[in-house]
Every structure is written in C-alpha cells, then in structure tokens.
Amino acid sequence: MQTKEYNREEFDYHQSENNYTLSIPAKFLDAKSLKVKRKNSDGTFSDADIVIREQNHEIRIITSVPMDILVEISDQEISDQEI
C-alpha cells in the first residue's frame, strides 16, 4: 500500500457547483482501489465525506469543505470509496 498526503490548500473551489475538488493524474494511481481519510486536528485520521470520480485520465476527489487528506492506494480491492 502507498500513501500520499494532500493539504486543504491544494483543493480548487468551484463556485457554480459549490464544492471543492482535488485532481490526481490517474497514471500515478496504478492500483485497483484507493481510500481517502481526513486528517484530524490531533494528527489522527478518520473517514472523509468525499466523492471519488474518474474523469479524463484523472481521479477527482470532491468535497463540500476543503480538508487535509491522506490517500491510500492499494493493490487489493477495498470495499468502500472504491473507484
């Protein structure tokens, strides 16, 4: 399993859709599935309330509030938040 952290400043705000997105090139995610966790203020991680979409050779993470996240990339199937 590989992990990568992203911070809230990396999300783009879309006023017309009233949401924030983070795009990750799909070519870097040569995996069967990924899971996204929210980084809490105490440094722990919990489930993130997000939507994951694959679009135009990118993985797009969509949320109503920008947050620091941890993306877990796995070679095995993950049951929730799967692409």
C-alpha atoms as a PDB file:
ATOM      1  CA  MET A   1       0.000   0.000   0.000  1.00  0.00           C
ATOM      2  CA  GLN A   2       1.180   3.503  -0.822  1.00  0.00           C
ATOM      3  CA  THR A   3       0.035   6.702   0.857  1.00  0.00           C
ATOM      4  CA  LYS A   4       0.184  10.379  -0.083  1.00  0.00           C
ATOM      5  CA  GLU A   5      -0.969  13.382   1.922  1.00  0.00           C
ATOM      6  CA  TYR A   6      -2.610  16.462   0.404  1.00  0.00           C
ATOM      7  CA  ASN A   7      -3.455  19.667   2.234  1.00  0.00           C
ATOM      8  CA  ARG A   8      -6.583  21.781   2.054  1.00  0.00           C
ATOM      9  CA  GLU A   9      -4.808  24.484   0.019  1.00  0.00           C
ATOM     10  CA  GLU A  10      -4.469  22.043  -2.891  1.00  0.00           C
ATOM     11  CA  PHE A  11      -8.261  21.869  -3.379  1.00  0.00           C
ATOM     12  CA  ASP A  12      -9.861  24.140  -6.001  1.00  0.00           C
ATOM     13  CA  TYR A  13     -13.161  25.877  -5.228  1.00  0.00           C
ATOM     14  CA  HIS A  14     -15.897  25.770  -7.888  1.00  0.00           C
ATOM     15  CA  GLN A  15     -18.465  28.457  -7.130  1.00  0.00           C
ATOM     16  CA  SER A  16     -21.002  27.276  -9.713  1.00  0.00           C
ATOM     17  CA  GLU A  17     -21.058  23.785  -8.169  1.00  0.00           C
ATOM     18  CA  ASN A  18     -20.394  24.973  -4.597  1.00  0.00           C
ATOM     19  CA  ASN A  19     -17.736  22.322  -3.966  1.00  0.00           C
ATOM     20  CA  TYR A  20     -14.002  21.777  -3.761  1.00  0.00           C
ATOM     21  CA  THR A  21     -12.033  19.357  -5.922  1.00  0.00           C
ATOM     22  CA  LEU A  22      -8.587  17.846  -5.999  1.00  0.00           C
ATOM     23  CA  SER A  23      -7.418  16.175  -9.209  1.00  0.00           C
ATOM     24  CA  ILE A  24      -4.744  13.482  -9.237  1.00  0.00           C
ATOM     25  CA  PRO A  25      -3.411  12.137 -12.558  1.00  0.00           C
ATOM     26  CA  ALA A  26      -4.682   8.558 -12.910  1.00  0.00           C
ATOM     27  CA  LYS A  27      -1.350   7.437 -14.383  1.00  0.00           C
ATOM     28  CA  PHE A  28       0.154   7.783 -10.901  1.00  0.00           C
ATOM     29  CA  LEU A  29      -2.541   5.564  -9.425  1.00  0.00           C
ATOM     30  CA  ASP A  30      -1.696   2.217 -10.945  1.00  0.00           C
ATOM     31  CA  ALA A  31      -3.793   0.427  -8.348  1.00  0.00           C
ATOM     32  CA  LYS A  32      -7.103  -1.350  -8.070  1.00  0.00           C
ATOM     33  CA  SER A  33      -8.585   0.993  -5.490  1.00  0.00           C
ATOM     34  CA  LEU A  34      -7.980   3.921  -3.228  1.00  0.00           C
ATOM     35  CA  LYS A  35      -9.320   5.176   0.060  1.00  0.00           C
ATOM     36  CA  VAL A  36      -9.353   8.742   1.333  1.00  0.00           C
ATOM     37  CA  LYS A  37      -9.087   9.667   5.005  1.00  0.00           C
ATOM     38  CA  ARG A  38      -9.460  13.082   6.645  1.00  0.00           C
ATOM     39  CA  LYS A  39      -6.594  14.334   8.811  1.00  0.00           C
ATOM     40  CA  ASN A  40      -7.944  15.489  12.169  1.00  0.00           C
ATOM     41  CA  SER A  41      -6.505  18.388  14.193  1.00  0.00           C
ATOM     42  CA  ASP A  42      -4.830  15.921  16.598  1.00  0.00           C
ATOM     43  CA  GLY A  43      -2.972  14.225  13.717  1.00  0.00           C
ATOM     44  CA  THR A  44      -5.166  11.109  13.594  1.00  0.00           C
ATOM     45  CA  PHE A  45      -7.160  10.068  10.524  1.00  0.00           C
ATOM     46  CA  SER A  46     -10.863   9.305  10.102  1.00  0.00           C
ATOM     47  CA  ASP A  47     -13.183   8.537   7.197  1.00  0.00           C
ATOM     48  CA  ALA A  48     -13.627  11.501   4.857  1.00  0.00           C
ATOM     49  CA  ASP A  49     -17.004  12.589   3.498  1.00  0.00           C
ATOM     50  CA  ILE A  50     -15.989  12.790  -0.161  1.00  0.00           C
ATOM     51  CA  VAL A  51     -16.937  11.607  -3.641  1.00  0.00           C
ATOM     52  CA  ILE A  52     -14.352   9.980  -5.921  1.00  0.00           C
ATOM     53  CA  ARG A  53     -14.734  10.134  -9.718  1.00  0.00           C
ATOM     54  CA  GLU A  54     -12.512   9.048 -12.553  1.00  0.00           C
ATOM     55  CA  GLN A  55     -12.619  11.653 -15.307  1.00  0.00           C
ATOM     56  CA  ASN A  56     -10.379  12.476 -18.291  1.00  0.00           C
ATOM     57  CA  HIS A  57      -7.443  10.357 -17.084  1.00  0.00           C
ATOM     58  CA  GLU A  58      -7.682  11.916 -13.626  1.00  0.00           C
ATOM     59  CA  ILE A  59      -9.001  10.871 -10.270  1.00  0.00           C
ATOM     60  CA  ARG A  60     -11.154  13.686  -8.899  1.00  0.00           C
ATOM     61  CA  ILE A  61     -11.835  13.980  -5.173  1.00  0.00           C
ATOM     62  CA  ILE A  62     -14.891  16.140  -4.457  1.00  0.00           C
ATOM     63  CA  THR A  63     -15.914  17.583  -1.084  1.00  0.00           C
ATOM     64  CA  SER A  64     -18.095  20.375   0.280  1.00  0.00           C
ATOM     65  CA  VAL A  65     -15.337  21.536   2.663  1.00  0.00           C
ATOM     66  CA  PRO A  66     -11.587  21.606   1.929  1.00  0.00           C
ATOM     67  CA  MET A  67      -9.585  19.389   4.278  1.00  0.00           C
ATOM     68  CA  ASP A  68      -6.192  17.813   4.772  1.00  0.00           C
ATOM     69  CA  ILE A  69      -6.414  14.240   3.479  1.00  0.00           C
ATOM     70  CA  LEU A  70      -4.466  11.019   3.224  1.00  0.00           C
ATOM     71  CA  VAL A  71      -4.917   8.955   0.052  1.00  0.00           C
ATOM     72  CA  GLU A  72      -4.253   5.232   0.472  1.00  0.00           C
ATOM     73  CA  ILE A  73      -3.524   3.390  -2.773  1.00  0.00           C
ATOM     74  CA  SER A  74      -3.883  -0.385  -2.652  1.00  0.00           C
ATOM     75  CA  ASP A  75      -3.200  -3.295  -4.994  1.00  0.00           C
ATOM     76  CA  GLN A  76      -6.186  -5.118  -3.489  1.00  0.00           C
ATOM     77  CA  GLU A  77      -9.863  -4.334  -3.662  1.00  0.00           C
ATOM     78  CA  ILE A  78     -11.246  -2.046  -0.928  1.00  0.00           C
ATOM     79  CA  SER A  79     -14.967  -2.287  -0.259  1.00  0.00           C
ATOM     80  CA  ASP A  80     -15.813   1.381   0.437  1.00  0.00           C
ATOM     81  CA  GLN A  81     -14.940   4.500  -1.552  1.00  0.00           C
ATOM     82  CA  GLU A  82     -13.823   2.315  -4.430  1.00  0.00           C
ATOM     83  CA  ILE A  83     -13.281   3.596  -7.938  1.00  0.00           C
END
